[in-house]
C-alpha atoms as a PDB file:
ATOM      1  CA  MET A   1      48.750  23.163  34.218  1.00  0.00           C
ATOM      2  CA  ILE A   2      51.115  22.651  37.129  1.00  0.00           C
ATOM      3  CA  LYS A   3      54.764  22.177  36.216  1.00  0.00           C
ATOM      4  CA  ILE A   4      57.173  20.527  38.622  1.00  0.00           C
ATOM      5  CA  ARG A   5      60.920  20.983  38.600  1.00  0.00           C
ATOM      6  CA  THR A   6      63.887  20.496  40.905  1.00  0.00           C
ATOM      7  CA  TYR A   7      64.455  23.230  43.480  1.00  0.00           C
ATOM      8  CA  GLU A   8      66.977  25.903  42.499  1.00  0.00           C
ATOM      9  CA  ASN A   9      68.695  28.381  44.831  1.00  0.00           C
ATOM     10  CA  ARG A  10      66.755  31.239  43.234  1.00  0.00           C
ATOM     11  CA  ASP A  11      63.552  29.646  44.661  1.00  0.00           C
ATOM     12  CA  TRP A  12      64.607  30.138  48.297  1.00  0.00           C
ATOM     13  CA  GLN A  13      62.793  33.417  48.993  1.00  0.00           C
ATOM     14  CA  ARG A  14      59.592  32.093  47.458  1.00  0.00           C
ATOM     15  CA  LEU A  15      59.780  28.883  49.517  1.00  0.00           C
ATOM     16  CA  CYS A  16      60.128  31.018  52.639  1.00  0.00           C
ATOM     17  CA  GLU A  17      57.033  33.036  51.684  1.00  0.00           C
ATOM     18  CA  ILE A  18      54.985  29.899  50.982  1.00  0.00           C
ATOM     19  CA  HIS A  19      56.065  28.048  54.113  1.00  0.00           C
ATOM     20  CA  ASP A  20      55.612  31.005  56.426  1.00  0.00           C
ATOM     21  CA  ALA A  21      52.088  31.744  55.169  1.00  0.00           C
ATOM     22  CA  ALA A  22      50.939  28.111  55.063  1.00  0.00           C
ATOM     23  CA  ARG A  23      52.596  27.124  58.344  1.00  0.00           C
ATOM     24  CA  MET A  24      50.182  29.334  60.250  1.00  0.00           C
ATOM     25  CA  ASP A  25      47.284  27.364  58.741  1.00  0.00           C
ATOM     26  CA  GLU A  26      49.054  24.120  59.618  1.00  0.00           C
ATOM     27  CA  LEU A  27      49.472  25.115  63.272  1.00  0.00           C
ATOM     28  CA  ARG A  28      45.988  26.596  63.694  1.00  0.00           C
ATOM     29  CA  GLY A  29      43.758  24.132  65.509  1.00  0.00           C
ATOM     30  CA  SER A  30      46.692  22.019  66.672  1.00  0.00           C
ATOM     31  CA  VAL A  31      49.241  24.107  68.520  1.00  0.00           C
ATOM     32  CA  ASP A  32      49.508  27.591  69.982  1.00  0.00           C
ATOM     33  CA  LEU A  33      50.410  29.944  67.121  1.00  0.00           C
ATOM     34  CA  ALA A  34      53.301  31.166  69.274  1.00  0.00           C
ATOM     35  CA  ALA A  35      55.023  27.944  68.138  1.00  0.00           C
ATOM     36  CA  PHE A  36      55.483  29.436  64.665  1.00  0.00           C
ATOM     37  CA  LEU A  37      59.028  29.523  63.327  1.00  0.00           C
ATOM     38  CA  THR A  38      59.991  30.732  59.873  1.00  0.00           C
ATOM     39  CA  LEU A  39      61.479  28.486  57.218  1.00  0.00           C
ATOM     40  CA  GLU A  40      64.761  30.350  57.617  1.00  0.00           C
ATOM     41  CA  GLU A  41      64.768  29.321  61.280  1.00  0.00           C
ATOM     42  CA  THR A  42      63.892  25.661  60.667  1.00  0.00           C
ATOM     43  CA  ALA A  43      65.088  24.506  57.240  1.00  0.00           C
ATOM     44  CA  GLU A  44      68.556  23.438  58.300  1.00  0.00           C
ATOM     45  CA  ASN A  45      67.627  21.822  61.634  1.00  0.00           C
ATOM     46  CA  GLU A  46      64.682  19.977  60.091  1.00  0.00           C
ATOM     47  CA  GLY A  47      66.671  18.747  57.082  1.00  0.00           C
ATOM     48  CA  LEU A  48      64.831  20.434  54.214  1.00  0.00           C
ATOM     49  CA  PHE A  49      67.850  20.072  51.935  1.00  0.00           C
ATOM     50  CA  ASP A  50      68.576  16.487  53.004  1.00  0.00           C
ATOM     51  CA  ASP A  51      65.676  15.304  50.851  1.00  0.00           C
ATOM     52  CA  GLU A  52      64.714  15.461  47.222  1.00  0.00           C
ATOM     53  CA  LEU A  53      63.187  18.922  46.855  1.00  0.00           C
ATOM     54  CA  TYR A  54      60.862  19.997  44.051  1.00  0.00           C
ATOM     55  CA  VAL A  55      58.780  23.077  43.367  1.00  0.00           C
ATOM     56  CA  GLY A  56      55.377  23.353  41.713  1.00  0.00           C
ATOM     57  CA  LEU A  57      54.810  26.204  39.284  1.00  0.00           C
ATOM     58  CA  LEU A  58      51.767  27.851  37.777  1.00  0.00           C
ATOM     59  CA  GLU A  59      52.555  30.220  34.927  1.00  0.00           C
ATOM     60  CA  GLU A  60      56.243  30.117  35.937  1.00  0.00           C
ATOM     61  CA  LYS A  61      55.473  31.198  39.551  1.00  0.00           C
ATOM     62  CA  VAL A  62      56.471  28.866  42.390  1.00  0.00           C
ATOM     63  CA  VAL A  63      53.234  28.080  44.251  1.00  0.00           C
ATOM     64  CA  GLY A  64      54.219  25.045  46.304  1.00  0.00           C
ATOM     65  CA  PHE A  65      56.982  22.626  47.193  1.00  0.00           C
ATOM     66  CA  VAL A  66      57.527  19.055  48.307  1.00  0.00           C
ATOM     67  CA  ALA A  67      60.539  17.376  49.906  1.00  0.00           C
ATOM     68  CA  PHE A  68      60.780  13.640  50.395  1.00  0.00           C
ATOM     69  CA  SER A  69      63.080  10.727  51.041  1.00  0.00           C
ATOM     70  CA  PRO A  70      62.468   7.263  49.582  1.00  0.00           C
ATOM     71  CA  ASP A  71      60.140   6.335  52.448  1.00  0.00           C
ATOM     72  CA  GLU A  72      58.774   9.609  53.837  1.00  0.00           C
ATOM     73  CA  ILE A  73      57.072  12.821  52.732  1.00  0.00           C
ATOM     74  CA  ASN A  74      58.788  15.393  54.928  1.00  0.00           C
ATOM     75  CA  TRP A  75      57.581  18.744  53.583  1.00  0.00           C
ATOM     76  CA  LEU A  76      54.529  19.671  51.515  1.00  0.00           C
ATOM     77  CA  TYR A  77      53.426  23.282  51.400  1.00  0.00           C
ATOM     78  CA  VAL A  78      51.214  25.279  49.054  1.00  0.00           C
ATOM     79  CA  ASP A  79      50.820  29.036  48.884  1.00  0.00           C
ATOM     80  CA  PRO A  80      47.490  29.762  50.643  1.00  0.00           C
ATOM     81  CA  ASN A  81      46.449  31.885  47.643  1.00  0.00           C
ATOM     82  CA  TYR A  82      46.489  28.660  45.613  1.00  0.00           C
ATOM     83  CA  TYR A  83      44.732  26.246  47.978  1.00  0.00           C
ATOM     84  CA  LYS A  84      42.102  23.935  46.456  1.00  0.00           C
ATOM     85  CA  LYS A  85      43.604  24.078  42.954  1.00  0.00           C
ATOM     86  CA  GLY A  86      45.149  20.593  42.925  1.00  0.00           C
ATOM     87  CA  ILE A  87      48.693  21.760  43.603  1.00  0.00           C
ATOM     88  CA  GLY A  88      49.203  19.795  46.819  1.00  0.00           C
ATOM     89  CA  TYR A  89      47.636  16.722  45.239  1.00  0.00           C
ATOM     90  CA  THR A  90      49.880  17.020  42.164  1.00  0.00           C
ATOM     91  CA  LEU A  91      53.051  17.536  44.212  1.00  0.00           C
ATOM     92  CA  LEU A  92      52.164  14.630  46.501  1.00  0.00           C
ATOM     93  CA  ASN A  93      51.530  12.240  43.621  1.00  0.00           C
ATOM     94  CA  PHE A  94      54.749  13.381  41.930  1.00  0.00           C
ATOM     95  CA  ALA A  95      56.642  12.474  45.105  1.00  0.00           C
ATOM     96  CA  LEU A  96      54.869   9.141  45.556  1.00  0.00           C
ATOM     97  CA  GLU A  97      55.848   8.099  42.015  1.00  0.00           C
ATOM     98  CA  ARG A  98      59.487   8.504  43.082  1.00  0.00           C
ATOM     99  CA  CYS A  99      59.231   6.920  46.541  1.00  0.00           C
ATOM    100  CA  ASP A 100      59.506   3.335  47.725  1.00  0.00           C
ATOM    101  CA  ASP A 101      56.537   0.977  47.944  1.00  0.00           C
ATOM    102  CA  LYS A 102      55.745   2.124  51.499  1.00  0.00           C
ATOM    103  CA  VAL A 103      55.735   5.806  52.528  1.00  0.00           C
ATOM    104  CA  GLU A 104      54.931   7.582  55.790  1.00  0.00           C
ATOM    105  CA  VAL A 105      53.969  11.146  56.598  1.00  0.00           C
ATOM    106  CA  SER A 106      53.380  12.904  59.928  1.00  0.00           C
ATOM    107  CA  VAL A 107      50.602  15.485  60.217  1.00  0.00           C
ATOM    108  CA  LEU A 108      49.376  17.608  63.108  1.00  0.00           C
ATOM    109  CA  SER A 109      46.018  16.243  64.300  1.00  0.00           C
ATOM    110  CA  GLY A 110      44.228  19.550  63.728  1.00  0.00           C
ATOM    111  CA  ASN A 111      45.465  19.985  60.162  1.00  0.00           C
ATOM    112  CA  THR A 112      42.250  18.693  58.599  1.00  0.00           C
ATOM    113  CA  PRO A 113      42.948  19.822  54.997  1.00  0.00           C
ATOM    114  CA  ALA A 114      46.276  17.954  54.954  1.00  0.00           C
ATOM    115  CA  ILE A 115      44.765  14.859  56.537  1.00  0.00           C
ATOM    116  CA  GLN A 116      41.976  14.884  53.931  1.00  0.00           C
ATOM    117  CA  LEU A 117      44.539  15.229  51.123  1.00  0.00           C
ATOM    118  CA  TYR A 118      46.547  12.257  52.365  1.00  0.00           C
ATOM    119  CA  LEU A 119      43.461  10.091  52.907  1.00  0.00           C
ATOM    120  CA  LYS A 120      42.193  11.023  49.413  1.00  0.00           C
ATOM    121  CA  THR A 121      45.542   9.888  48.016  1.00  0.00           C
ATOM    122  CA  GLY A 122      45.318   6.487  49.677  1.00  0.00           C
ATOM    123  CA  PHE A 123      47.163   7.014  52.953  1.00  0.00           C
ATOM    124  CA  LYS A 124      45.842   5.257  56.060  1.00  0.00           C
ATOM    125  CA  ILE A 125      46.188   6.508  59.621  1.00  0.00           C
ATOM    126  CA  ILE A 126      48.399   4.032  61.474  1.00  0.00           C
ATOM    127  CA  GLU A 127      49.234   5.876  64.698  1.00  0.00           C
ATOM    128  CA  LYS A 128      48.315   8.841  66.860  1.00  0.00           C
ATOM    129  CA  LYS A 129      51.185  10.375  68.840  1.00  0.00           C
ATOM    130  CA  LYS A 130      51.552  12.997  71.526  1.00  0.00           C
ATOM    131  CA  GLY A 131      54.866  14.684  72.141  1.00  0.00           C
ATOM    132  CA  LYS A 132      56.878  17.776  71.410  1.00  0.00           C
ATOM    133  CA  LEU A 133      56.359  19.792  68.237  1.00  0.00           C
ATOM    134  CA  VAL A 134      59.132  18.894  65.823  1.00  0.00           C
ATOM    135  CA  GLY A 135      61.224  21.966  65.177  1.00  0.00           C
ATOM    136  CA  ASN A 136      59.945  23.860  68.222  1.00  0.00           C
ATOM    137  CA  GLU A 137      60.123  21.425  71.095  1.00  0.00           C
ATOM    138  CA  ALA A 138      58.949  24.048  73.623  1.00  0.00           C
ATOM    139  CA  PHE A 139      55.382  23.177  72.570  1.00  0.00           C
ATOM    140  CA  ASP A 140      53.346  20.018  73.031  1.00  0.00           C
ATOM    141  CA  ALA A 141      51.605  18.623  69.976  1.00  0.00           C
ATOM    142  CA  GLU A 142      49.457  15.738  68.832  1.00  0.00           C
ATOM    143  CA  GLY A 143      50.011  14.230  65.443  1.00  0.00           C
ATOM    144  CA  LEU A 144      49.030  11.415  63.172  1.00  0.00           C
ATOM    145  CA  ILE A 145      51.304   9.104  61.289  1.00  0.00           C
ATOM    146  CA  LEU A 146      49.857   7.999  57.976  1.00  0.00           C
ATOM    147  CA  GLU A 147      51.123   5.294  55.654  1.00  0.00           C
ATOM    148  CA  TRP A 148      50.764   4.754  51.922  1.00  0.00           C
ATOM    149  CA  LYS A 149      51.516   1.536  50.076  1.00  0.00           C
ATOM    150  CA  LYS A 150      51.769   0.919  46.342  1.00  0.00           C
END
């Protein structure tokens, strides 16, 4: 059973571990892996703490996290050791219950598992964009914008 609670400062190191491991999977197939930046390098500039931030726990261990504003899912990461166990799905639905009636998310075009998760949850692809990789603008990227409506 996945428990979800508000982020606490003591979770920081674990969030860094989860992000840094899962971010490589997120980039693979979309962007040169040289674009990788750690959570410590990106959290402040990309506004991690500007959003509502929650962690998912299995047996009291943080295994994923989600950050969102009323109209956007901004961060959703799961420890790669816990992929395909419903954690991302549970965190996403938790966030959607607390969001507005219309929510957007941006996903790298090559991040097939994330795209499948969002489509399974009822998101629709509304736009394909090419531009600079958010957070590491030295790299070009292609992404999808997906939208969910209640």
